[in-house]
Amino acid sequence: MRDRSLWFVRFAQSVSQFTGQPVTFFIALATIVVWAISGPLFGFSDTWQLVINTGTTIVTFLMVFLIQRAQNKDSLAIQIKLNELLASQQGASNRLINIEDWSEEEIVALHQRFSKLSERLSRAASDCESHSITEARDAVDEAQEALGEIRKTATRNQTRSNSSS
């Protein structure tokens, strides 16, 4: 099974690279031009129209799966790189690693909390006020506390969904 999967990965990658080339676009364009020019020869018949409709539908159908495969791989690679950056940065919250696995509600809630924190920090900076390290630590603690609450909610939701399955 692994050999088939590896074969498909190589095939999908090759097709994705080939179809992304300018020459491929011009081949497709030439096909459409030849089809259009041949219209009068076939009297613009239903069969003439069916040929191009069927051909483009088949190509589109197959390309959707190949493009999605390439997109999934790229997305996963980007997530791994971001997780590595988070894990390697001192002071970064490790709770954000694999955030893509969280529910949309949890991500929105976290975004709202960070937006509020950003507004607070912007106001403070624009006021040119002097701030202490304690205030900065309090802001970080508040953000980490919010992350903890969201994580607890995620765990409860996951436990509920697992027990209902």
Protein backbone atom coordinates (compact mmCIF):
# COMPACT_ATOMS: atom_id res chain seq x y z
CA MET A 1 0.00 0.00 0.00
CA ARG A 2 2.88 2.35 0.81
CA ASP A 3 4.32 1.90 -2.70
CA ARG A 4 1.00 2.96 -4.25
CA SER A 5 0.83 5.99 -2.00
CA LEU A 6 4.41 6.94 -2.81
CA TRP A 7 3.71 6.50 -6.51
CA PHE A 8 0.65 8.75 -6.27
CA VAL A 9 2.60 11.41 -4.39
CA ARG A 10 5.27 11.48 -7.11
CA PHE A 11 2.66 11.43 -9.86
CA ALA A 12 0.62 14.24 -8.27
CA GLN A 13 3.75 16.32 -7.74
CA SER A 14 4.87 15.83 -11.36
CA VAL A 15 1.46 16.69 -12.78
CA SER A 16 1.17 19.75 -10.51
CA GLN A 17 4.57 20.99 -11.62
CA PHE A 18 3.79 20.35 -15.29
CA THR A 19 0.36 21.98 -15.22
CA GLY A 20 1.79 25.06 -13.55
CA GLN A 21 4.07 25.77 -16.50
CA PRO A 22 3.31 28.34 -19.20
CA VAL A 23 3.69 25.71 -21.92
CA THR A 24 0.79 23.76 -20.43
CA PHE A 25 -1.44 26.81 -20.57
CA PHE A 26 -0.56 27.35 -24.22
CA ILE A 27 -1.29 23.68 -25.01
CA ALA A 28 -4.73 24.09 -23.43
CA LEU A 29 -5.28 27.35 -25.29
CA ALA A 30 -4.24 25.74 -28.59
CA THR A 31 -6.70 22.90 -27.94
CA ILE A 32 -9.53 25.40 -27.51
CA VAL A 33 -8.50 27.31 -30.66
CA VAL A 34 -8.38 24.11 -32.73
CA TRP A 35 -11.77 23.09 -31.34
CA ALA A 36 -13.27 26.51 -32.15
CA ILE A 37 -11.82 26.52 -35.69
CA SER A 38 -13.19 23.02 -36.29
CA GLY A 39 -16.71 24.20 -35.41
CA PRO A 40 -17.73 25.07 -38.98
CA LEU A 41 -16.36 21.73 -40.24
CA PHE A 42 -18.72 19.90 -37.90
CA GLY A 43 -21.57 22.36 -38.37
CA PHE A 44 -21.36 23.43 -34.71
CA SER A 45 -23.16 20.18 -33.93
CA ASP A 46 -24.13 18.88 -30.52
CA THR A 47 -21.40 16.25 -30.81
CA TRP A 48 -18.81 18.95 -31.52
CA GLN A 49 -19.89 20.79 -28.34
CA LEU A 50 -20.06 17.57 -26.35
CA VAL A 51 -16.43 16.75 -27.16
CA ILE A 52 -15.07 19.91 -25.55
CA ASN A 53 -17.53 19.80 -22.65
CA THR A 54 -16.67 16.20 -21.84
CA GLY A 55 -12.93 16.75 -22.22
CA THR A 56 -12.81 19.81 -20.01
CA THR A 57 -15.06 18.21 -17.40
CA ILE A 58 -12.82 15.15 -17.13
CA VAL A 59 -9.64 17.21 -16.90
CA THR A 60 -11.19 19.53 -14.30
CA PHE A 61 -12.49 16.63 -12.23
CA LEU A 62 -9.09 14.94 -12.09
CA MET A 63 -7.16 18.16 -11.52
CA VAL A 64 -9.25 19.03 -8.46
CA PHE A 65 -7.90 15.95 -6.67
CA LEU A 66 -4.31 16.54 -7.74
CA ILE A 67 -4.43 20.20 -6.75
CA GLN A 68 -6.01 19.33 -3.38
CA ARG A 69 -3.26 16.76 -2.75
CA ALA A 70 -0.57 19.34 -3.47
CA GLN A 71 -2.37 21.92 -1.31
CA ASN A 72 -2.67 19.50 1.62
CA LYS A 73 1.04 18.70 1.46
CA ASP A 74 2.04 22.37 1.25
CA SER A 75 -0.30 23.32 4.08
CA LEU A 76 1.07 20.58 6.32
CA ALA A 77 4.65 21.62 5.57
CA ILE A 78 3.84 25.24 6.45
CA GLN A 79 2.17 24.17 9.71
CA ILE A 80 5.22 22.10 10.66
CA LYS A 81 7.52 25.04 9.96
CA LEU A 82 5.35 27.37 12.05
CA ASN A 83 5.21 24.83 14.88
CA GLU A 84 9.02 24.58 14.79
CA LEU A 85 9.31 28.36 15.00
CA LEU A 86 6.92 28.50 17.93
CA ALA A 87 8.66 25.67 19.74
CA SER A 88 12.08 27.26 19.27
CA GLN A 89 11.17 30.76 20.47
CA GLN A 90 11.69 31.51 24.12
CA GLY A 91 8.60 33.14 25.54
CA ALA A 92 6.30 31.92 22.77
CA SER A 93 3.26 30.02 23.92
CA ASN A 94 3.64 26.34 23.10
CA ARG A 95 -0.14 26.09 23.40
CA LEU A 96 -0.37 27.56 19.91
CA ILE A 97 1.42 24.56 18.40
CA ASN A 98 -1.11 22.65 16.26
CA ILE A 99 -3.72 25.37 16.66
CA GLU A 100 -5.04 24.30 13.24
CA ASP A 101 -6.58 21.30 15.04
CA TRP A 102 -8.70 23.56 17.25
CA SER A 103 -12.33 24.25 16.47
CA GLU A 104 -13.27 27.42 14.65
CA GLU A 105 -14.98 28.79 17.77
CA GLU A 106 -11.80 28.34 19.82
CA ILE A 107 -9.68 30.06 17.19
CA VAL A 108 -12.13 32.97 16.92
CA ALA A 109 -12.20 33.35 20.71
CA LEU A 110 -8.41 33.40 20.86
CA HIS A 111 -8.28 35.92 18.00
CA GLN A 112 -10.68 38.21 19.87
CA ARG A 113 -8.56 38.04 23.01
CA PHE A 114 -5.39 38.86 21.07
CA SER A 115 -7.21 41.70 19.31
CA LYS A 116 -8.18 43.18 22.68
CA LEU A 117 -4.62 42.80 23.91
CA SER A 118 -3.31 44.47 20.76
CA GLU A 119 -5.71 47.40 21.19
CA ARG A 120 -4.66 47.79 24.81
CA LEU A 121 -0.98 47.77 23.87
CA SER A 122 -1.56 50.22 21.00
CA ARG A 123 -3.39 52.66 23.27
CA ALA A 124 -0.65 52.41 25.85
CA ALA A 125 2.06 52.99 23.25
CA SER A 126 0.22 55.93 21.69
CA ASP A 127 -0.22 57.51 25.10
CA CYS A 128 3.56 57.40 25.48
CA GLU A 129 3.10 56.15 28.99
CA SER A 130 5.84 54.48 30.88
CA HIS A 131 5.07 50.84 31.54
CA SER A 132 6.65 48.44 33.90
CA ILE A 133 7.82 44.90 33.30
CA THR A 134 5.09 43.83 35.72
CA GLU A 135 2.42 45.28 33.42
CA ALA A 136 3.90 43.44 30.46
CA ARG A 137 4.01 40.20 32.44
CA ASP A 138 0.40 40.72 33.51
CA ALA A 139 -0.62 41.09 29.86
CA VAL A 140 1.25 37.90 28.94
CA ASP A 141 -0.28 36.06 31.90
CA GLU A 142 -3.74 37.21 30.82
CA ALA A 143 -3.16 35.94 27.29
CA GLN A 144 -1.83 32.60 28.57
CA GLU A 145 -4.78 32.29 30.91
CA ALA A 146 -7.13 32.87 28.00
CA LEU A 147 -5.30 30.20 26.02
CA GLY A 148 -5.66 27.81 28.94
CA GLU A 149 -9.40 28.42 29.14
CA ILE A 150 -9.81 27.84 25.44
CA ARG A 151 -7.71 24.67 25.63
CA LYS A 152 -9.89 23.34 28.49
CA THR A 153 -12.98 24.01 26.41
CA ALA A 154 -11.41 22.21 23.47
CA THR A 155 -10.56 19.20 25.62
CA ARG A 156 -14.11 19.07 26.99
CA ASN A 157 -15.59 19.32 23.50
CA GLN A 158 -13.29 16.61 22.23
CA THR A 159 -14.16 14.37 25.20
CA ARG A 160 -17.87 14.91 24.52
CA SER A 161 -17.50 14.14 20.83
CA ASN A 162 -15.43 11.01 21.58
CA SER A 163 -17.98 9.74 24.11
CA SER A 164 -20.86 10.34 21.72
CA SER A 165 -19.13 8.37 18.93
